[in-house]
Amino acid sequence: VRMEFLVSIKVEVPQDFPASSFEQLLIKERLRGQELKDQGSIERIWRLPGTRNNVGIWKAADASELHSLLSSLPIFAFMKIEIVPLALHPLEEEMK
């Protein structure tokens, strides 16, 4: 059974980090993100307008697996991440 997590990611790049290097990381980031989406680890993801920040619903067996998934992202070193484990709401259970 995979747990669901609300994951909020804020990207903070040091001003002295070369823009061209960061752009290369972003290309790799998009590819890795697509892999995670294709395998079902990222259920949904939204961009926060006007920023590089995002919020999404991630799925993992547990917090340790979620950490492994997040740390596999190429720009992980530039991320501030907040995680909220989610539990099914009774109203959702009634809809099944």
N, C-alpha and C. Protein backbone atom coordinates (compact mmCIF):
# COMPACT_ATOMS: atom_id res chain seq x y z
N VAL A 1 0.85 -1.18 0.00
CA VAL A 1 0.00 0.00 0.00
C VAL A 1 0.89 1.23 0.00
N ARG A 2 0.59 2.15 -0.89
CA ARG A 2 1.38 3.38 -0.97
C ARG A 2 0.65 4.50 -0.24
N MET A 3 1.40 5.25 0.54
CA MET A 3 0.86 6.40 1.26
C MET A 3 0.87 7.62 0.34
N GLU A 4 0.00 8.58 0.64
CA GLU A 4 -0.01 9.84 -0.09
C GLU A 4 0.57 10.93 0.79
N PHE A 5 1.32 11.83 0.17
CA PHE A 5 1.96 12.94 0.87
C PHE A 5 1.71 14.22 0.08
N LEU A 6 1.38 15.29 0.81
CA LEU A 6 1.32 16.61 0.21
C LEU A 6 2.74 17.18 0.31
N VAL A 7 3.36 17.45 -0.83
CA VAL A 7 4.75 17.90 -0.85
C VAL A 7 4.80 19.31 -1.44
N SER A 8 5.35 20.23 -0.66
CA SER A 8 5.53 21.60 -1.11
C SER A 8 7.02 21.85 -1.28
N ILE A 9 7.41 22.27 -2.48
CA ILE A 9 8.82 22.48 -2.79
C ILE A 9 9.06 23.94 -3.15
N LYS A 10 9.99 24.53 -2.43
CA LYS A 10 10.42 25.90 -2.72
C LYS A 10 11.85 25.80 -3.23
N VAL A 11 12.10 26.37 -4.40
CA VAL A 11 13.42 26.32 -5.02
C VAL A 11 14.17 27.61 -4.68
N GLU A 12 15.35 27.46 -4.07
CA GLU A 12 16.17 28.61 -3.69
C GLU A 12 17.58 28.40 -4.24
N VAL A 13 17.91 29.14 -5.29
CA VAL A 13 19.21 29.04 -5.94
C VAL A 13 20.08 30.20 -5.49
N PRO A 14 21.29 29.92 -5.01
CA PRO A 14 22.19 31.02 -4.62
C PRO A 14 22.44 31.95 -5.81
N GLN A 15 22.52 33.23 -5.53
CA GLN A 15 22.69 34.22 -6.60
C GLN A 15 23.99 34.01 -7.37
N ASP A 16 25.00 33.45 -6.72
CA ASP A 16 26.29 33.27 -7.39
C ASP A 16 26.38 31.95 -8.17
N PHE A 17 25.32 31.15 -8.17
CA PHE A 17 25.33 29.90 -8.92
C PHE A 17 25.14 30.23 -10.40
N PRO A 18 26.01 29.71 -11.28
CA PRO A 18 25.93 30.04 -12.71
C PRO A 18 24.58 29.66 -13.33
N ALA A 19 23.98 30.62 -14.01
CA ALA A 19 22.66 30.40 -14.62
C ALA A 19 22.70 29.26 -15.63
N SER A 20 23.76 29.16 -16.41
CA SER A 20 23.84 28.10 -17.42
C SER A 20 23.89 26.72 -16.76
N SER A 21 24.57 26.61 -15.64
CA SER A 21 24.63 25.33 -14.91
C SER A 21 23.26 24.98 -14.37
N PHE A 22 22.54 25.98 -13.85
CA PHE A 22 21.21 25.71 -13.32
C PHE A 22 20.25 25.31 -14.43
N GLU A 23 20.38 25.93 -15.60
CA GLU A 23 19.51 25.56 -16.73
C GLU A 23 19.73 24.10 -17.12
N GLN A 24 20.98 23.63 -17.07
CA GLN A 24 21.27 22.22 -17.37
C GLN A 24 20.63 21.31 -16.33
N LEU A 25 20.69 21.73 -15.06
CA LEU A 25 20.04 20.95 -14.01
C LEU A 25 18.52 20.89 -14.21
N LEU A 26 17.94 21.98 -14.67
CA LEU A 26 16.49 22.01 -14.91
C LEU A 26 16.08 21.03 -16.01
N ILE A 27 16.91 20.87 -17.03
CA ILE A 27 16.62 19.90 -18.09
C ILE A 27 16.59 18.49 -17.48
N LYS A 28 17.59 18.18 -16.65
CA LYS A 28 17.64 16.88 -15.99
C LYS A 28 16.48 16.72 -15.01
N GLU A 29 16.12 17.80 -14.36
CA GLU A 29 15.02 17.79 -13.39
C GLU A 29 13.70 17.42 -14.08
N ARG A 30 13.46 18.01 -15.23
CA ARG A 30 12.23 17.72 -15.97
C ARG A 30 12.16 16.25 -16.38
N LEU A 31 13.28 15.71 -16.84
CA LEU A 31 13.32 14.30 -17.22
C LEU A 31 13.06 13.39 -16.02
N ARG A 32 13.70 13.68 -14.89
CA ARG A 32 13.50 12.86 -13.69
C ARG A 32 12.07 13.00 -13.19
N GLY A 33 11.54 14.21 -13.22
CA GLY A 33 10.16 14.43 -12.80
C GLY A 33 9.18 13.63 -13.65
N GLN A 34 9.43 13.57 -14.95
CA GLN A 34 8.56 12.79 -15.84
C GLN A 34 8.65 11.30 -15.50
N GLU A 35 9.86 10.82 -15.19
CA GLU A 35 10.02 9.42 -14.78
C GLU A 35 9.20 9.12 -13.53
N LEU A 36 9.27 10.02 -12.55
CA LEU A 36 8.54 9.84 -11.29
C LEU A 36 7.03 9.89 -11.53
N LYS A 37 6.60 10.75 -12.43
CA LYS A 37 5.17 10.83 -12.76
C LYS A 37 4.73 9.55 -13.48
N ASP A 38 5.54 9.09 -14.43
CA ASP A 38 5.21 7.88 -15.18
C ASP A 38 5.12 6.64 -14.29
N GLN A 39 5.96 6.58 -13.25
CA GLN A 39 5.93 5.41 -12.36
C GLN A 39 4.89 5.55 -11.25
N GLY A 40 4.20 6.68 -11.20
CA GLY A 40 3.13 6.87 -10.23
C GLY A 40 3.55 7.46 -8.90
N SER A 41 4.81 7.87 -8.78
CA SER A 41 5.27 8.48 -7.52
C SER A 41 4.77 9.91 -7.37
N ILE A 42 4.62 10.61 -8.49
CA ILE A 42 4.00 11.94 -8.47
C ILE A 42 2.59 11.75 -9.05
N GLU A 43 1.61 11.88 -8.17
CA GLU A 43 0.21 11.71 -8.60
C GLU A 43 -0.29 12.95 -9.33
N ARG A 44 -0.09 14.12 -8.73
CA ARG A 44 -0.48 15.41 -9.31
C ARG A 44 0.56 16.43 -8.87
N ILE A 45 0.77 17.45 -9.70
CA ILE A 45 1.71 18.50 -9.33
C ILE A 45 1.24 19.81 -9.94
N TRP A 46 1.40 20.89 -9.19
CA TRP A 46 0.98 22.21 -9.62
C TRP A 46 2.13 23.19 -9.44
N ARG A 47 2.31 24.08 -10.37
CA ARG A 47 3.27 25.18 -10.26
C ARG A 47 2.60 26.30 -9.49
N LEU A 48 3.37 26.99 -8.65
CA LEU A 48 2.85 28.18 -7.98
C LEU A 48 3.21 29.35 -8.90
N PRO A 49 2.19 30.02 -9.45
CA PRO A 49 2.42 31.04 -10.47
C PRO A 49 3.46 32.08 -10.07
N GLY A 50 4.30 32.41 -11.05
CA GLY A 50 5.32 33.44 -10.86
C GLY A 50 6.56 32.96 -10.14
N THR A 51 6.66 31.64 -9.88
CA THR A 51 7.81 31.10 -9.16
C THR A 51 8.24 29.77 -9.80
N ARG A 52 9.33 29.22 -9.30
CA ARG A 52 9.72 27.87 -9.67
C ARG A 52 9.19 26.86 -8.65
N ASN A 53 8.45 27.34 -7.68
CA ASN A 53 7.95 26.50 -6.59
C ASN A 53 6.76 25.67 -7.06
N ASN A 54 6.54 24.56 -6.35
CA ASN A 54 5.42 23.71 -6.71
C ASN A 54 4.87 22.99 -5.49
N VAL A 55 3.70 22.45 -5.67
CA VAL A 55 3.05 21.63 -4.65
C VAL A 55 2.45 20.43 -5.37
N GLY A 56 2.53 19.27 -4.72
CA GLY A 56 2.03 18.09 -5.40
C GLY A 56 1.62 17.00 -4.43
N ILE A 57 0.93 16.03 -4.99
CA ILE A 57 0.57 14.81 -4.26
C ILE A 57 1.54 13.73 -4.74
N TRP A 58 2.33 13.23 -3.81
CA TRP A 58 3.31 12.18 -4.09
C TRP A 58 2.85 10.90 -3.40
N LYS A 59 3.23 9.76 -3.97
CA LYS A 59 2.92 8.46 -3.38
C LYS A 59 4.22 7.70 -3.14
N ALA A 60 4.31 7.08 -1.96
CA ALA A 60 5.47 6.27 -1.60
C ALA A 60 5.04 5.27 -0.55
N ALA A 61 5.82 4.22 -0.38
CA ALA A 61 5.51 3.20 0.62
C ALA A 61 5.58 3.77 2.02
N ASP A 62 6.52 4.69 2.23
CA ASP A 62 6.70 5.30 3.55
C ASP A 62 7.56 6.56 3.40
N ALA A 63 7.85 7.21 4.52
CA ALA A 63 8.62 8.46 4.50
C ALA A 63 10.04 8.23 3.98
N SER A 64 10.62 7.08 4.27
CA SER A 64 11.98 6.80 3.79
C SER A 64 12.02 6.71 2.26
N GLU A 65 11.02 6.03 1.69
CA GLU A 65 10.99 5.95 0.23
C GLU A 65 10.75 7.32 -0.37
N LEU A 66 9.87 8.12 0.25
CA LEU A 66 9.62 9.47 -0.25
C LEU A 66 10.91 10.28 -0.24
N HIS A 67 11.68 10.17 0.82
CA HIS A 67 12.96 10.89 0.89
C HIS A 67 13.87 10.46 -0.26
N SER A 68 13.94 9.17 -0.54
CA SER A 68 14.77 8.68 -1.64
C SER A 68 14.31 9.26 -2.98
N LEU A 69 13.00 9.31 -3.17
CA LEU A 69 12.46 9.86 -4.42
C LEU A 69 12.81 11.34 -4.55
N LEU A 70 12.57 12.10 -3.49
CA LEU A 70 12.86 13.54 -3.53
C LEU A 70 14.34 13.81 -3.72
N SER A 71 15.19 13.05 -3.02
CA SER A 71 16.63 13.30 -3.12
C SER A 71 17.20 12.86 -4.46
N SER A 72 16.42 12.13 -5.26
CA SER A 72 16.86 11.76 -6.60
C SER A 72 16.68 12.90 -7.61
N LEU A 73 16.01 13.96 -7.20
CA LEU A 73 15.80 15.10 -8.10
C LEU A 73 17.11 15.88 -8.26
N PRO A 74 17.47 16.23 -9.49
CA PRO A 74 18.74 16.92 -9.73
C PRO A 74 18.92 18.25 -9.00
N ILE A 75 17.84 18.96 -8.71
CA ILE A 75 18.00 20.24 -7.99
C ILE A 75 17.64 20.11 -6.50
N PHE A 76 17.68 18.89 -5.99
CA PHE A 76 17.36 18.64 -4.58
C PHE A 76 18.14 19.56 -3.64
N ALA A 77 19.41 19.81 -3.94
CA ALA A 77 20.25 20.65 -3.07
C ALA A 77 19.73 22.08 -2.96
N PHE A 78 18.90 22.51 -3.90
CA PHE A 78 18.38 23.88 -3.91
C PHE A 78 16.94 23.96 -3.42
N MET A 79 16.44 22.86 -2.84
CA MET A 79 15.03 22.81 -2.44
C MET A 79 14.84 22.92 -0.94
N LYS A 80 13.80 23.65 -0.56
CA LYS A 80 13.28 23.61 0.81
C LYS A 80 11.95 22.89 0.67
N ILE A 81 11.81 21.77 1.38
CA ILE A 81 10.66 20.90 1.19
C ILE A 81 9.85 20.77 2.48
N GLU A 82 8.55 20.88 2.35
CA GLU A 82 7.64 20.62 3.46
C GLU A 82 6.75 19.46 3.05
N ILE A 83 6.58 18.52 3.98
CA ILE A 83 5.82 17.31 3.69
C ILE A 83 4.72 17.12 4.72
N VAL A 84 3.53 16.80 4.23
CA VAL A 84 2.40 16.50 5.11
C VAL A 84 1.87 15.13 4.70
N PRO A 85 1.98 14.11 5.59
CA PRO A 85 1.37 12.82 5.27
C PRO A 85 -0.15 12.97 5.25
N LEU A 86 -0.79 12.28 4.32
CA LEU A 86 -2.24 12.41 4.17
C LEU A 86 -2.94 11.10 4.54
N ALA A 87 -4.12 11.24 5.12
CA ALA A 87 -4.97 10.08 5.43
C ALA A 87 -6.31 10.30 4.73
N LEU A 88 -6.95 9.21 4.38
CA LEU A 88 -8.23 9.28 3.71
C LEU A 88 -9.29 9.92 4.63
N HIS A 89 -10.04 10.85 4.09
CA HIS A 89 -11.10 11.52 4.82
C HIS A 89 -12.36 10.65 4.77
N PRO A 90 -13.17 10.65 5.82
CA PRO A 90 -14.40 9.84 5.81
C PRO A 90 -15.31 10.13 4.62
N LEU A 91 -15.36 11.38 4.17
CA LEU A 91 -16.19 11.70 3.01
C LEU A 91 -15.70 11.00 1.75
N GLU A 92 -14.39 10.82 1.62
CA GLU A 92 -13.82 10.10 0.49
C GLU A 92 -14.19 8.61 0.57
N GLU A 93 -14.15 8.08 1.77
CA GLU A 93 -14.48 6.66 1.96
C GLU A 93 -15.93 6.39 1.57
N GLU A 94 -16.82 7.35 1.88
CA GLU A 94 -18.23 7.19 1.56
C GLU A 94 -18.49 7.20 0.06
N MET A 95 -17.61 7.85 -0.71
CA MET A 95 -17.80 7.98 -2.15
C MET A 95 -17.42 6.71 -2.89
N LYS A 96 -16.74 5.80 -2.24
CA LYS A 96 -16.30 4.57 -2.91
C LYS A 96 -17.40 3.55 -3.01
